[in-house]
C-alpha atoms as a PDB file:
ATOM      1  CA  MET A   1       0.326  -0.002   0.008  1.00  0.00           C
ATOM      2  CA  ASN A   2       1.348   3.525  -1.097  1.00  0.00           C
ATOM      3  CA  LEU A   3       0.206   6.668   0.376  1.00  0.00           C
ATOM      4  CA  THR A   4      -0.105  10.090   0.044  1.00  0.00           C
ATOM      5  CA  LEU A   5       0.172  12.386   3.582  1.00  0.00           C
ATOM      6  CA  PRO A   6       0.440  15.506   4.293  1.00  0.00           C
ATOM      7  CA  ILE A   7       3.347  17.599   4.500  1.00  0.00           C
ATOM      8  CA  LYS A   8       2.530  18.119   8.497  1.00  0.00           C
ATOM      9  CA  ILE A   9       1.759  14.529   8.138  1.00  0.00           C
ATOM     10  CA  GLN A  10       4.841  13.853   6.765  1.00  0.00           C
ATOM     11  CA  LYS A  11       7.116  16.096   9.221  1.00  0.00           C
ATOM     12  CA  LEU A  12       5.277  14.944  12.277  1.00  0.00           C
ATOM     13  CA  ILE A  13       6.375  11.344  11.263  1.00  0.00           C
ATOM     14  CA  LYS A  14       9.631  12.563  10.485  1.00  0.00           C
ATOM     15  CA  GLN A  15      10.064  14.120  13.979  1.00  0.00           C
ATOM     16  CA  ARG A  16       9.511  10.405  16.046  1.00  0.00           C
ATOM     17  CA  VAL A  17      11.612   8.480  14.391  1.00  0.00           C
ATOM     18  CA  LYS A  18      14.133  11.428  14.471  1.00  0.00           C
ATOM     19  CA  SER A  19      13.673  11.772  18.191  1.00  0.00           C
ATOM     20  CA  GLY A  20      14.983   7.374  18.311  1.00  0.00           C
ATOM     21  CA  LYS A  21      11.880   5.895  20.075  1.00  0.00           C
ATOM     22  CA  TYR A  22      10.731   4.485  16.081  1.00  0.00           C
ATOM     23  CA  ARG A  23      13.436   2.992  13.984  1.00  0.00           C
ATOM     24  CA  ARG A  24      10.966   3.198  10.884  1.00  0.00           C
ATOM     25  CA  ALA A  25       8.088   5.901   9.613  1.00  0.00           C
ATOM     26  CA  GLU A  26       6.444   2.244   9.340  1.00  0.00           C
ATOM     27  CA  ASP A  27       6.504   1.836  12.799  1.00  0.00           C
ATOM     28  CA  VAL A  28       5.132   5.135  14.109  1.00  0.00           C
ATOM     29  CA  VAL A  29       2.645   4.515  11.493  1.00  0.00           C
ATOM     30  CA  THR A  30       1.949   0.900  13.049  1.00  0.00           C
ATOM     31  CA  ALA A  31       1.614   2.451  16.491  1.00  0.00           C
ATOM     32  CA  ALA A  32      -0.850   5.527  15.010  1.00  0.00           C
ATOM     33  CA  ILE A  33      -3.149   2.799  13.830  1.00  0.00           C
ATOM     34  CA  SER A  34      -2.496   1.031  16.798  1.00  0.00           C
ATOM     35  CA  THR A  35      -3.603   3.003  19.104  1.00  0.00           C
ATOM     36  CA  LEU A  36      -6.631   4.452  17.355  1.00  0.00           C
ATOM     37  CA  ASP A  37      -7.961   0.936  17.103  1.00  0.00           C
ATOM     38  CA  GLN A  38      -8.095   0.866  21.296  1.00  0.00           C
ATOM     39  CA  GLN A  39      -9.582   4.133  21.294  1.00  0.00           C
ATOM     40  CA  ASP A  40     -12.164   2.490  18.732  1.00  0.00           C
ATOM     41  CA  SER A  41     -12.262  -0.523  20.372  1.00  0.00           C
ATOM     42  CA  PHE A  42     -12.770   1.270  24.104  1.00  0.00           C
ATOM     43  CA  GLY A  43     -14.194   4.404  23.508  1.00  0.00           C
ATOM     44  CA  ASP A  44     -13.532   8.182  23.241  1.00  0.00           C
ATOM     45  CA  PHE A  45     -13.851  10.822  25.509  1.00  0.00           C
ATOM     46  CA  ALA A  46     -14.409  14.748  25.678  1.00  0.00           C
ATOM     47  CA  PRO A  47     -11.956  16.887  26.638  1.00  0.00           C
ATOM     48  CA  GLY A  48     -12.543  16.505  30.819  1.00  0.00           C
ATOM     49  CA  GLU A  49     -14.812  13.799  30.349  1.00  0.00           C
ATOM     50  CA  LEU A  50     -11.900  11.263  31.643  1.00  0.00           C
ATOM     51  CA  ASP A  51     -10.652  13.414  34.757  1.00  0.00           C
ATOM     52  CA  GLY A  52     -13.885  12.990  35.657  1.00  0.00           C
ATOM     53  CA  LEU A  53     -14.749   9.423  35.608  1.00  0.00           C
ATOM     54  CA  LEU A  54     -11.574   9.128  37.221  1.00  0.00           C
ATOM     55  CA  ALA A  55     -12.115  12.022  40.028  1.00  0.00           C
ATOM     56  CA  LYS A  56     -15.810   9.834  39.884  1.00  0.00           C
ATOM     57  CA  GLY A  57     -14.448   6.597  40.473  1.00  0.00           C
ATOM     58  CA  GLU A  58     -11.638   7.547  43.212  1.00  0.00           C
ATOM     59  CA  GLN A  59     -14.773   8.594  44.819  1.00  0.00           C
ATOM     60  CA  ASP A  60     -16.815   5.530  44.990  1.00  0.00           C
ATOM     61  CA  ILE A  61     -13.703   3.691  46.016  1.00  0.00           C
ATOM     62  CA  LYS A  62     -13.455   5.488  48.732  1.00  0.00           C
ATOM     63  CA  HIS A  63     -17.224   5.093  49.456  1.00  0.00           C
ATOM     64  CA  GLY A  64     -17.115   1.077  48.632  1.00  0.00           C
ATOM     65  CA  ARG A  65     -18.830   1.364  44.930  1.00  0.00           C
ATOM     66  CA  VAL A  66     -17.253  -0.406  42.991  1.00  0.00           C
ATOM     67  CA  ILE A  67     -17.518  -2.811  40.801  1.00  0.00           C
ATOM     68  CA  ALA A  68     -16.377  -6.315  39.426  1.00  0.00           C
ATOM     69  CA  ALA A  69     -13.953  -5.210  36.066  1.00  0.00           C
ATOM     70  CA  ASP A  70     -15.430  -7.941  33.683  1.00  0.00           C
ATOM     71  CA  ARG A  71     -18.618  -5.472  34.342  1.00  0.00           C
ATOM     72  CA  ALA A  72     -17.156  -2.267  34.228  1.00  0.00           C
ATOM     73  CA  PHE A  73     -15.643  -3.291  30.638  1.00  0.00           C
ATOM     74  CA  ALA A  74     -18.458  -4.319  29.989  1.00  0.00           C
ATOM     75  CA  ARG A  75     -20.420  -1.580  30.212  1.00  0.00           C
ATOM     76  CA  LEU A  76     -17.500   0.840  28.577  1.00  0.00           C
ATOM     77  CA  LYS A  77     -17.209  -1.244  25.666  1.00  0.00           C
ATOM     78  CA  ARG A  78     -21.737  -0.295  25.384  1.00  0.00           C
ATOM     79  CA  ILE A  79     -21.235   3.437  25.878  1.00  0.00           C
ATOM     80  CA  SER A  80     -18.468   3.774  23.074  1.00  0.00           C
ATOM     81  CA  ALA A  81     -21.211   1.475  20.992  1.00  0.00           C
ATOM     82  CA  THR A  82     -23.938   3.835  22.041  1.00  0.00           C
ATOM     83  CA  ARG A  83     -21.448   6.639  21.095  1.00  0.00           C
ATOM     84  CA  ARG A  84     -20.716   5.363  17.882  1.00  0.00           C
ATOM     85  CA  LYS A  85     -23.841   4.657  16.648  1.00  0.00           C
ATOM     86  CA  LYS A  86     -24.956   8.070  17.544  1.00  0.00           C
ATOM     87  CA  THR A  87     -21.440   9.719  15.910  1.00  0.00           C
ATOM     88  CA  GLY A  88     -21.690   7.574  12.697  1.00  0.00           C
END
């Protein structure tokens, strides 16, 4: 597959390779696509939404209001799927 990327994106990729964290441009693109895939799987958050959810979670833990991890992740996946349907 051959792609033509905007100059701005090409510069970002080159900067990542130059930093030494990635060996090749392909490694940067692979990491970016993997991150995008994770976001699609686990949901996107509006700015500040995740911080608010974490703060609420910390308060819930403090007060003993907790659920099993598998139930929590199942709920997050449902919320994410609903959100994608609304925007898709």
